[in-house]
Amino acid sequence: MVSMPVMEREAELLAAVARGDRLAFGELYDRMQPRVLGLAFRTLKDAGHAEEIAQEVFLDVWQHAAQFDADKGSATGWILRKTHSRSVDRVRSAQSSRVRDARIGIRDHIETADDVSDTVALRIDTMRIERALRALPEPQRSAVELAHLGGYSHSEVSAMLGVPVGTVKTRIRAGIGRLRHELVAA
């Protein structure tokens, strides 16, 4: 006698959700919400953003449950991949927003300076710093930019770059040392 594989409960619930079953969605939500919220929080380090991501993920699950294919993986994995993807997108968006705001702030500061000589000196310093940053090896530059321009903590930079905190600290320390050397030499 051939036994049929037992279907994961979350996969059964997703199939019911795809048919519009609200009770199944409620059970799926109750089963998965702690894991979705936990994953989002571990990635984002912000409870408010994690809750927003969880809401977006469950809305997406409700709207696209029919797209789940059990042959390609588990329902739990499908939902958690959605969570991870949205969380990483949020981190990248926040990072680029911080860098953009810092650059705009520097530009606005330069444009509002009253003294022409101060403005020229500030522009020269900015160009020297940008040139010195470009001279750094990519791993050091990324760590320095995230920590000092992006305002992220060492542990946040570690999570974003996927390296240990000690490596991040070493890259920042080495990068700052090279920046000093480049700026003195320039």
N, C-alpha and C. Protein backbone atom coordinates (compact mmCIF):
# COMPACT_ATOMS: atom_id res chain seq x y z
N MET A 1 0.84 -1.17 0.00
CA MET A 1 0.00 0.00 0.00
C MET A 1 0.89 1.25 0.00
N VAL A 2 0.62 2.18 -0.90
CA VAL A 2 1.40 3.41 -1.03
C VAL A 2 0.76 4.47 -0.16
N SER A 3 1.57 5.09 0.70
CA SER A 3 1.01 6.14 1.55
C SER A 3 1.19 7.50 0.89
N MET A 4 0.19 8.31 1.05
CA MET A 4 0.22 9.67 0.48
C MET A 4 1.00 10.57 1.44
N PRO A 5 1.81 11.48 0.92
CA PRO A 5 2.54 12.39 1.81
C PRO A 5 1.55 13.28 2.56
N VAL A 6 1.87 13.54 3.81
CA VAL A 6 1.03 14.39 4.63
C VAL A 6 1.31 15.84 4.25
N MET A 7 0.25 16.58 3.95
CA MET A 7 0.40 17.97 3.55
C MET A 7 0.60 18.84 4.79
N GLU A 8 1.54 19.73 4.72
CA GLU A 8 1.79 20.70 5.78
C GLU A 8 0.50 21.48 6.05
N ARG A 9 0.21 21.70 7.32
CA ARG A 9 -1.04 22.39 7.69
C ARG A 9 -1.09 23.78 7.06
N GLU A 10 0.03 24.48 7.03
CA GLU A 10 0.05 25.82 6.44
C GLU A 10 -0.29 25.76 4.95
N ALA A 11 0.15 24.69 4.27
CA ALA A 11 -0.16 24.53 2.85
C ALA A 11 -1.66 24.29 2.66
N GLU A 12 -2.25 23.50 3.55
CA GLU A 12 -3.70 23.28 3.49
C GLU A 12 -4.44 24.60 3.68
N LEU A 13 -3.98 25.37 4.65
CA LEU A 13 -4.62 26.66 4.93
C LEU A 13 -4.47 27.61 3.74
N LEU A 14 -3.28 27.63 3.13
CA LEU A 14 -3.08 28.50 1.96
C LEU A 14 -4.02 28.12 0.82
N ALA A 15 -4.22 26.82 0.63
CA ALA A 15 -5.14 26.38 -0.43
C ALA A 15 -6.56 26.89 -0.13
N ALA A 16 -6.95 26.84 1.14
CA ALA A 16 -8.27 27.35 1.52
C ALA A 16 -8.34 28.86 1.38
N VAL A 17 -7.27 29.55 1.73
CA VAL A 17 -7.23 31.01 1.58
C VAL A 17 -7.37 31.38 0.11
N ALA A 18 -6.73 30.62 -0.75
CA ALA A 18 -6.82 30.87 -2.20
C ALA A 18 -8.27 30.79 -2.68
N ARG A 19 -9.08 30.01 -1.98
CA ARG A 19 -10.51 29.92 -2.33
C ARG A 19 -11.34 30.98 -1.61
N GLY A 20 -10.68 31.86 -0.85
CA GLY A 20 -11.39 32.95 -0.17
C GLY A 20 -11.87 32.62 1.22
N ASP A 21 -11.37 31.56 1.83
CA ASP A 21 -11.80 31.13 3.16
C ASP A 21 -11.17 32.02 4.23
N ARG A 22 -11.99 32.88 4.83
CA ARG A 22 -11.51 33.82 5.85
C ARG A 22 -11.11 33.11 7.14
N LEU A 23 -11.81 32.07 7.50
CA LEU A 23 -11.45 31.33 8.72
C LEU A 23 -10.07 30.68 8.57
N ALA A 24 -9.81 30.14 7.40
CA ALA A 24 -8.50 29.54 7.14
C ALA A 24 -7.42 30.62 7.22
N PHE A 25 -7.71 31.80 6.69
CA PHE A 25 -6.75 32.89 6.76
C PHE A 25 -6.48 33.26 8.22
N GLY A 26 -7.54 33.31 9.03
CA GLY A 26 -7.37 33.62 10.45
C GLY A 26 -6.48 32.60 11.15
N GLU A 27 -6.67 31.33 10.85
CA GLU A 27 -5.83 30.30 11.46
C GLU A 27 -4.40 30.41 10.95
N LEU A 28 -4.24 30.64 9.65
CA LEU A 28 -2.90 30.80 9.08
C LEU A 28 -2.20 31.99 9.72
N TYR A 29 -2.91 33.07 9.88
CA TYR A 29 -2.36 34.27 10.52
C TYR A 29 -1.91 33.94 11.94
N ASP A 30 -2.77 33.29 12.72
CA ASP A 30 -2.43 32.95 14.10
C ASP A 30 -1.20 32.05 14.18
N ARG A 31 -1.06 31.14 13.24
CA ARG A 31 0.07 30.21 13.24
C ARG A 31 1.37 30.90 12.81
N MET A 32 1.28 31.80 11.83
CA MET A 32 2.49 32.36 11.22
C MET A 32 2.88 33.74 11.74
N GLN A 33 1.96 34.48 12.32
CA GLN A 33 2.23 35.86 12.71
C GLN A 33 3.45 36.01 13.62
N PRO A 34 3.63 35.18 14.66
CA PRO A 34 4.82 35.36 15.50
C PRO A 34 6.13 35.17 14.72
N ARG A 35 6.15 34.23 13.80
CA ARG A 35 7.38 33.99 13.03
C ARG A 35 7.63 35.11 12.04
N VAL A 36 6.57 35.58 11.39
CA VAL A 36 6.70 36.69 10.43
C VAL A 36 7.18 37.93 11.15
N LEU A 37 6.53 38.27 12.25
CA LEU A 37 6.90 39.46 13.01
C LEU A 37 8.32 39.34 13.57
N GLY A 38 8.68 38.16 14.06
CA GLY A 38 10.02 37.95 14.59
C GLY A 38 11.10 38.11 13.54
N LEU A 39 10.87 37.54 12.36
CA LEU A 39 11.85 37.66 11.28
C LEU A 39 11.98 39.12 10.84
N ALA A 40 10.87 39.80 10.69
CA ALA A 40 10.91 41.21 10.28
C ALA A 40 11.63 42.05 11.32
N PHE A 41 11.37 41.78 12.60
CA PHE A 41 12.02 42.56 13.65
C PHE A 41 13.53 42.29 13.69
N ARG A 42 13.93 41.03 13.53
CA ARG A 42 15.36 40.72 13.53
C ARG A 42 16.07 41.41 12.39
N THR A 43 15.41 41.58 11.27
CA THR A 43 16.03 42.22 10.11
C THR A 43 16.03 43.74 10.26
N LEU A 44 14.91 44.29 10.74
CA LEU A 44 14.75 45.75 10.76
C LEU A 44 15.17 46.41 12.07
N LYS A 45 15.14 45.67 13.17
CA LYS A 45 15.49 46.22 14.49
C LYS A 45 14.56 47.36 14.89
N ASP A 46 13.34 47.36 14.39
CA ASP A 46 12.37 48.41 14.70
C ASP A 46 10.98 47.76 14.74
N ALA A 47 10.34 47.83 15.90
CA ALA A 47 9.05 47.15 16.07
C ALA A 47 7.98 47.72 15.15
N GLY A 48 7.93 49.03 14.99
CA GLY A 48 6.93 49.65 14.13
C GLY A 48 7.06 49.22 12.69
N HIS A 49 8.29 49.24 12.19
CA HIS A 49 8.52 48.81 10.80
C HIS A 49 8.23 47.32 10.64
N ALA A 50 8.59 46.53 11.65
CA ALA A 50 8.34 45.10 11.59
C ALA A 50 6.84 44.82 11.51
N GLU A 51 6.05 45.55 12.28
CA GLU A 51 4.60 45.37 12.23
C GLU A 51 4.04 45.75 10.86
N GLU A 52 4.57 46.83 10.27
CA GLU A 52 4.13 47.22 8.93
C GLU A 52 4.45 46.13 7.91
N ILE A 53 5.66 45.57 8.00
CA ILE A 53 6.05 44.50 7.08
C ILE A 53 5.13 43.30 7.26
N ALA A 54 4.83 42.94 8.51
CA ALA A 54 3.95 41.80 8.76
C ALA A 54 2.58 42.04 8.13
N GLN A 55 2.04 43.24 8.27
CA GLN A 55 0.74 43.56 7.65
C GLN A 55 0.82 43.43 6.13
N GLU A 56 1.91 43.95 5.54
CA GLU A 56 2.07 43.87 4.09
C GLU A 56 2.16 42.41 3.63
N VAL A 57 2.89 41.60 4.39
CA VAL A 57 3.07 40.20 4.02
C VAL A 57 1.73 39.47 4.08
N PHE A 58 0.96 39.67 5.13
CA PHE A 58 -0.31 38.95 5.24
C PHE A 58 -1.33 39.45 4.22
N LEU A 59 -1.28 40.72 3.87
CA LEU A 59 -2.14 41.21 2.79
C LEU A 59 -1.75 40.53 1.48
N ASP A 60 -0.45 40.43 1.25
CA ASP A 60 0.04 39.76 0.04
C ASP A 60 -0.36 38.29 0.03
N VAL A 61 -0.27 37.64 1.18
CA VAL A 61 -0.67 36.23 1.28
C VAL A 61 -2.16 36.09 0.94
N TRP A 62 -2.99 36.97 1.49
CA TRP A 62 -4.43 36.93 1.21
C TRP A 62 -4.70 37.10 -0.29
N GLN A 63 -4.00 38.06 -0.90
CA GLN A 63 -4.26 38.39 -2.30
C GLN A 63 -3.64 37.39 -3.28
N HIS A 64 -2.56 36.72 -2.88
CA HIS A 64 -1.83 35.88 -3.83
C HIS A 64 -1.64 34.44 -3.35
N ALA A 65 -2.49 33.98 -2.47
CA ALA A 65 -2.36 32.61 -1.95
C ALA A 65 -2.41 31.58 -3.07
N ALA A 66 -3.13 31.86 -4.13
CA ALA A 66 -3.24 30.91 -5.25
C ALA A 66 -1.91 30.72 -5.96
N GLN A 67 -0.97 31.62 -5.79
CA GLN A 67 0.33 31.50 -6.46
C GLN A 67 1.27 30.53 -5.74
N PHE A 68 0.92 30.14 -4.52
CA PHE A 68 1.77 29.19 -3.80
C PHE A 68 1.77 27.85 -4.51
N ASP A 69 2.98 27.30 -4.68
CA ASP A 69 3.14 26.01 -5.33
C ASP A 69 3.88 25.07 -4.36
N ALA A 70 3.16 24.11 -3.81
CA ALA A 70 3.73 23.19 -2.83
C ALA A 70 4.88 22.37 -3.41
N ASP A 71 4.93 22.22 -4.72
CA ASP A 71 6.02 21.46 -5.35
C ASP A 71 7.35 22.22 -5.27
N LYS A 72 7.28 23.53 -5.06
CA LYS A 72 8.49 24.35 -5.03
C LYS A 72 9.00 24.61 -3.62
N GLY A 73 8.25 24.20 -2.61
CA GLY A 73 8.70 24.40 -1.23
C GLY A 73 7.54 24.44 -0.27
N SER A 74 7.86 24.66 0.98
CA SER A 74 6.83 24.66 2.02
C SER A 74 6.09 25.99 2.06
N ALA A 75 4.90 25.96 2.59
CA ALA A 75 4.10 27.19 2.74
C ALA A 75 4.77 28.12 3.73
N THR A 76 5.31 27.55 4.80
CA THR A 76 6.00 28.36 5.79
C THR A 76 7.19 29.08 5.14
N GLY A 77 7.96 28.36 4.36
CA GLY A 77 9.09 28.97 3.66
C GLY A 77 8.66 30.05 2.69
N TRP A 78 7.55 29.82 1.99
CA TRP A 78 7.01 30.80 1.03
C TRP A 78 6.67 32.10 1.75
N ILE A 79 6.00 31.99 2.89
CA ILE A 79 5.60 33.18 3.64
C ILE A 79 6.82 33.87 4.24
N LEU A 80 7.75 33.11 4.77
CA LEU A 80 8.94 33.72 5.39
C LEU A 80 9.86 34.34 4.33
N ARG A 81 9.90 33.77 3.12
CA ARG A 81 10.69 34.41 2.04
C ARG A 81 10.09 35.77 1.69
N LYS A 82 8.76 35.84 1.65
CA LYS A 82 8.10 37.13 1.40
C LYS A 82 8.49 38.14 2.49
N THR A 83 8.49 37.67 3.73
CA THR A 83 8.84 38.53 4.87
C THR A 83 10.27 39.02 4.75
N HIS A 84 11.18 38.10 4.49
CA HIS A 84 12.59 38.47 4.40
C HIS A 84 12.81 39.45 3.25
N SER A 85 12.22 39.18 2.11
CA SER A 85 12.39 40.04 0.94
C SER A 85 11.90 41.46 1.22
N ARG A 86 10.72 41.57 1.81
CA ARG A 86 10.17 42.91 2.11
C ARG A 86 11.01 43.61 3.17
N SER A 87 11.50 42.86 4.15
CA SER A 87 12.31 43.47 5.21
C SER A 87 13.63 44.01 4.64
N VAL A 88 14.28 43.22 3.81
CA VAL A 88 15.54 43.66 3.21
C VAL A 88 15.30 44.88 2.31
N ASP A 89 14.20 44.86 1.55
CA ASP A 89 13.86 46.03 0.72
C ASP A 89 13.70 47.27 1.59
N ARG A 90 13.07 47.13 2.75
CA ARG A 90 12.87 48.27 3.65
C ARG A 90 14.20 48.78 4.18
N VAL A 91 15.11 47.88 4.54
CA VAL A 91 16.44 48.29 5.03
C VAL A 91 17.18 49.04 3.93
N ARG A 92 17.16 48.50 2.71
CA ARG A 92 17.86 49.17 1.61
C ARG A 92 17.25 50.53 1.31
N SER A 93 15.95 50.62 1.35
CA SER A 93 15.28 51.89 1.09
C SER A 93 15.66 52.92 2.15
N ALA A 94 15.64 52.50 3.41
CA ALA A 94 16.00 53.42 4.50
C ALA A 94 17.45 53.86 4.38
N GLN A 95 18.32 52.92 4.02
CA GLN A 95 19.73 53.25 3.87
C GLN A 95 19.93 54.27 2.76
N SER A 96 19.34 54.06 1.60
CA SER A 96 19.54 55.00 0.50
C SER A 96 18.90 56.34 0.83
N SER A 97 17.81 56.34 1.58
CA SER A 97 17.17 57.59 1.98
C SER A 97 18.09 58.38 2.91
N ARG A 98 18.74 57.69 3.86
CA ARG A 98 19.66 58.37 4.78
C ARG A 98 20.84 58.98 4.03
N VAL A 99 21.41 58.21 3.12
CA VAL A 99 22.56 58.71 2.35
C VAL A 99 22.13 59.91 1.50
N ARG A 100 20.97 59.79 0.86
CA ARG A 100 20.46 60.90 0.03
C ARG A 100 20.22 62.14 0.89
N ASP A 101 19.61 61.97 2.05
CA ASP A 101 19.35 63.10 2.94
C ASP A 101 20.65 63.74 3.42
N ALA A 102 21.66 62.91 3.71
CA ALA A 102 22.95 63.46 4.14
C ALA A 102 23.58 64.28 3.02
N ARG A 103 23.52 63.76 1.79
CA ARG A 103 24.10 64.50 0.67
C ARG A 103 23.34 65.80 0.41
N ILE A 104 22.02 65.74 0.50
CA ILE A 104 21.22 66.95 0.31
C ILE A 104 21.52 67.96 1.41
N GLY A 105 21.66 67.47 2.64
CA GLY A 105 21.98 68.35 3.76
C GLY A 105 23.31 69.04 3.56
N ILE A 106 24.31 68.29 3.10
CA ILE A 106 25.62 68.88 2.83
C ILE A 106 25.50 69.91 1.71
N ARG A 107 24.77 69.56 0.65
CA ARG A 107 24.61 70.50 -0.47
C ARG A 107 23.88 71.75 -0.03
N ASP A 108 22.80 71.58 0.76
CA ASP A 108 22.05 72.74 1.21
C ASP A 108 22.88 73.62 2.12
N HIS A 109 23.72 72.98 2.95
CA HIS A 109 24.58 73.75 3.82
C HIS A 109 25.57 74.57 2.99
N ILE A 110 26.11 73.97 1.97
CA ILE A 110 27.06 74.66 1.10
C ILE A 110 26.37 75.84 0.41
N GLU A 111 25.14 75.62 -0.08
CA GLU A 111 24.44 76.66 -0.83
C GLU A 111 24.01 77.83 0.05
N THR A 112 23.87 77.61 1.38
CA THR A 112 23.41 78.70 2.23
C THR A 112 24.54 79.41 2.95
N ALA A 113 25.77 79.02 2.73
CA ALA A 113 26.90 79.67 3.40
C ALA A 113 27.01 81.12 2.91
N ASP A 114 27.21 82.05 3.85
CA ASP A 114 27.28 83.47 3.50
C ASP A 114 28.66 83.87 3.00
N ASP A 115 29.65 83.37 3.60
CA ASP A 115 31.00 83.78 3.27
C ASP A 115 31.52 82.95 2.09
N VAL A 116 31.91 83.61 1.02
CA VAL A 116 32.35 82.93 -0.19
C VAL A 116 33.58 82.05 0.09
N SER A 117 34.50 82.54 0.89
CA SER A 117 35.70 81.75 1.16
C SER A 117 35.36 80.49 1.96
N ASP A 118 34.40 80.59 2.87
CA ASP A 118 33.95 79.40 3.61
C ASP A 118 33.30 78.40 2.66
N THR A 119 32.52 78.91 1.72
CA THR A 119 31.85 78.05 0.75
C THR A 119 32.87 77.31 -0.10
N VAL A 120 33.86 78.03 -0.59
CA VAL A 120 34.89 77.42 -1.41
C VAL A 120 35.67 76.38 -0.60
N ALA A 121 36.03 76.72 0.61
CA ALA A 121 36.79 75.78 1.45
C ALA A 121 35.97 74.53 1.74
N LEU A 122 34.68 74.70 2.00
CA LEU A 122 33.82 73.56 2.29
C LEU A 122 33.68 72.67 1.06
N ARG A 123 33.55 73.26 -0.11
CA ARG A 123 33.46 72.46 -1.34
C ARG A 123 34.75 71.69 -1.60
N ILE A 124 35.87 72.34 -1.37
CA ILE A 124 37.16 71.67 -1.55
C ILE A 124 37.28 70.51 -0.57
N ASP A 125 36.90 70.74 0.70
CA ASP A 125 36.94 69.67 1.71
C ASP A 125 36.02 68.52 1.32
N THR A 126 34.83 68.84 0.84
CA THR A 126 33.88 67.80 0.43
C THR A 126 34.44 66.98 -0.71
N MET A 127 35.04 67.63 -1.68
CA MET A 127 35.62 66.91 -2.81
C MET A 127 36.79 66.04 -2.35
N ARG A 128 37.61 66.56 -1.42
CA ARG A 128 38.73 65.78 -0.90
C ARG A 128 38.22 64.54 -0.16
N ILE A 129 37.18 64.71 0.62
CA ILE A 129 36.62 63.58 1.38
C ILE A 129 36.02 62.55 0.42
N GLU A 130 35.28 63.02 -0.59
CA GLU A 130 34.70 62.08 -1.55
C GLU A 130 35.79 61.33 -2.31
N ARG A 131 36.85 62.03 -2.69
CA ARG A 131 37.97 61.39 -3.39
C ARG A 131 38.64 60.38 -2.47
N ALA A 132 38.84 60.74 -1.20
CA ALA A 132 39.46 59.83 -0.25
C ALA A 132 38.58 58.60 -0.01
N LEU A 133 37.27 58.80 0.06
CA LEU A 133 36.34 57.67 0.23
C LEU A 133 36.43 56.72 -0.97
N ARG A 134 36.50 57.28 -2.17
CA ARG A 134 36.59 56.45 -3.38
C ARG A 134 37.89 55.65 -3.41
N ALA A 135 38.92 56.13 -2.72
CA ALA A 135 40.21 55.44 -2.71
C ALA A 135 40.21 54.24 -1.76
N LEU A 136 39.22 54.16 -0.88
CA LEU A 136 39.15 53.04 0.05
C LEU A 136 38.73 51.77 -0.67
N PRO A 137 39.21 50.62 -0.20
CA PRO A 137 38.68 49.35 -0.73
C PRO A 137 37.19 49.26 -0.43
N GLU A 138 36.42 48.63 -1.29
CA GLU A 138 34.97 48.55 -1.16
C GLU A 138 34.49 48.11 0.22
N PRO A 139 35.05 47.05 0.82
CA PRO A 139 34.55 46.63 2.14
C PRO A 139 34.70 47.73 3.19
N GLN A 140 35.82 48.45 3.17
CA GLN A 140 36.02 49.53 4.14
C GLN A 140 35.09 50.70 3.84
N ARG A 141 34.97 51.05 2.56
CA ARG A 141 34.12 52.18 2.18
C ARG A 141 32.67 51.92 2.58
N SER A 142 32.17 50.72 2.31
CA SER A 142 30.79 50.39 2.66
C SER A 142 30.57 50.51 4.16
N ALA A 143 31.49 49.97 4.94
CA ALA A 143 31.34 50.00 6.40
C ALA A 143 31.38 51.44 6.91
N VAL A 144 32.32 52.24 6.41
CA VAL A 144 32.44 53.64 6.85
C VAL A 144 31.20 54.44 6.44
N GLU A 145 30.74 54.27 5.19
CA GLU A 145 29.57 55.02 4.73
C GLU A 145 28.33 54.66 5.53
N LEU A 146 28.11 53.38 5.78
CA LEU A 146 26.92 52.96 6.54
C LEU A 146 26.97 53.49 7.96
N ALA A 147 28.14 53.39 8.60
CA ALA A 147 28.24 53.79 10.00
C ALA A 147 28.26 55.31 10.17
N HIS A 148 29.02 56.00 9.33
CA HIS A 148 29.20 57.44 9.54
C HIS A 148 28.27 58.30 8.71
N LEU A 149 27.97 57.91 7.49
CA LEU A 149 27.02 58.68 6.69
C LEU A 149 25.60 58.18 6.90
N GLY A 150 25.46 56.87 7.04
CA GLY A 150 24.13 56.28 7.21
C GLY A 150 23.63 56.32 8.64
N GLY A 151 24.53 56.48 9.60
CA GLY A 151 24.12 56.56 10.99
C GLY A 151 23.75 55.22 11.62
N TYR A 152 24.16 54.11 11.01
CA TYR A 152 23.83 52.79 11.54
C TYR A 152 24.83 52.39 12.63
N SER A 153 24.38 51.59 13.58
CA SER A 153 25.27 51.04 14.61
C SER A 153 26.12 49.95 13.99
N HIS A 154 27.15 49.54 14.73
CA HIS A 154 28.02 48.48 14.23
C HIS A 154 27.23 47.19 14.01
N SER A 155 26.31 46.87 14.91
CA SER A 155 25.54 45.63 14.75
C SER A 155 24.60 45.73 13.54
N GLU A 156 24.05 46.90 13.26
CA GLU A 156 23.19 47.07 12.09
C GLU A 156 24.02 46.94 10.80
N VAL A 157 25.20 47.53 10.80
CA VAL A 157 26.09 47.42 9.64
C VAL A 157 26.47 45.95 9.43
N SER A 158 26.74 45.26 10.53
CA SER A 158 27.07 43.84 10.47
C SER A 158 25.96 43.05 9.80
N ALA A 159 24.72 43.32 10.19
CA ALA A 159 23.58 42.60 9.61
C ALA A 159 23.42 42.94 8.13
N MET A 160 23.60 44.20 7.77
CA MET A 160 23.42 44.61 6.38
C MET A 160 24.50 44.04 5.46
N LEU A 161 25.73 43.98 5.97
CA LEU A 161 26.83 43.49 5.14
C LEU A 161 27.01 41.98 5.26
N GLY A 162 26.37 41.38 6.27
CA GLY A 162 26.48 39.94 6.44
C GLY A 162 27.85 39.48 6.93
N VAL A 163 28.49 40.32 7.75
CA VAL A 163 29.79 39.97 8.32
C VAL A 163 29.72 40.17 9.84
N PRO A 164 30.63 39.54 10.59
CA PRO A 164 30.61 39.71 12.06
C PRO A 164 30.88 41.15 12.48
N VAL A 165 30.38 41.51 13.67
CA VAL A 165 30.56 42.87 14.19
C VAL A 165 32.05 43.21 14.29
N GLY A 166 32.86 42.26 14.72
CA GLY A 166 34.30 42.52 14.82
C GLY A 166 34.91 42.90 13.48
N THR A 167 34.45 42.25 12.42
CA THR A 167 34.93 42.58 11.07
C THR A 167 34.51 43.99 10.68
N VAL A 168 33.27 44.35 11.03
CA VAL A 168 32.78 45.70 10.74
C VAL A 168 33.66 46.73 11.46
N LYS A 169 33.93 46.50 12.75
CA LYS A 169 34.76 47.45 13.52
C LYS A 169 36.16 47.57 12.91
N THR A 170 36.72 46.43 12.50
CA THR A 170 38.05 46.45 11.89
C THR A 170 38.03 47.23 10.58
N ARG A 171 37.01 46.99 9.76
CA ARG A 171 36.91 47.71 8.49
C ARG A 171 36.74 49.21 8.71
N ILE A 172 35.93 49.59 9.68
CA ILE A 172 35.73 51.02 9.95
C ILE A 172 37.02 51.65 10.45
N ARG A 173 37.68 50.98 11.41
CA ARG A 173 38.93 51.51 11.96
C ARG A 173 39.98 51.65 10.86
N ALA A 174 40.13 50.63 10.03
CA ALA A 174 41.11 50.68 8.95
C ALA A 174 40.72 51.75 7.93
N GLY A 175 39.44 51.84 7.63
CA GLY A 175 38.96 52.84 6.66
C GLY A 175 39.20 54.26 7.14
N ILE A 176 38.90 54.52 8.41
CA ILE A 176 39.13 55.86 8.97
C ILE A 176 40.62 56.19 8.96
N GLY A 177 41.45 55.20 9.29
CA GLY A 177 42.90 55.41 9.25
C GLY A 177 43.37 55.76 7.85
N ARG A 178 42.87 55.04 6.84
CA ARG A 178 43.25 55.34 5.46
C ARG A 178 42.72 56.69 5.03
N LEU A 179 41.50 57.03 5.48
CA LEU A 179 40.95 58.36 5.15
C LEU A 179 41.85 59.46 5.69
N ARG A 180 42.27 59.33 6.94
CA ARG A 180 43.18 60.32 7.55
C ARG A 180 44.45 60.46 6.71
N HIS A 181 45.02 59.31 6.34
CA HIS A 181 46.25 59.32 5.55
C HIS A 181 46.01 60.01 4.21
N GLU A 182 44.91 59.65 3.52
CA GLU A 182 44.58 60.24 2.22
C GLU A 182 44.37 61.76 2.34
N LEU A 183 43.68 62.18 3.41
CA LEU A 183 43.38 63.60 3.56
C LEU A 183 44.62 64.41 3.92
N VAL A 184 45.52 63.83 4.70
CA VAL A 184 46.76 64.53 5.03
C VAL A 184 47.64 64.62 3.79
N ALA A 185 47.66 63.57 2.99
CA ALA A 185 48.50 63.54 1.80
C ALA A 185 47.95 64.46 0.69
N ALA A 186 46.65 64.72 0.71
CA ALA A 186 46.04 65.49 -0.39
C ALA A 186 46.29 66.95 -0.29
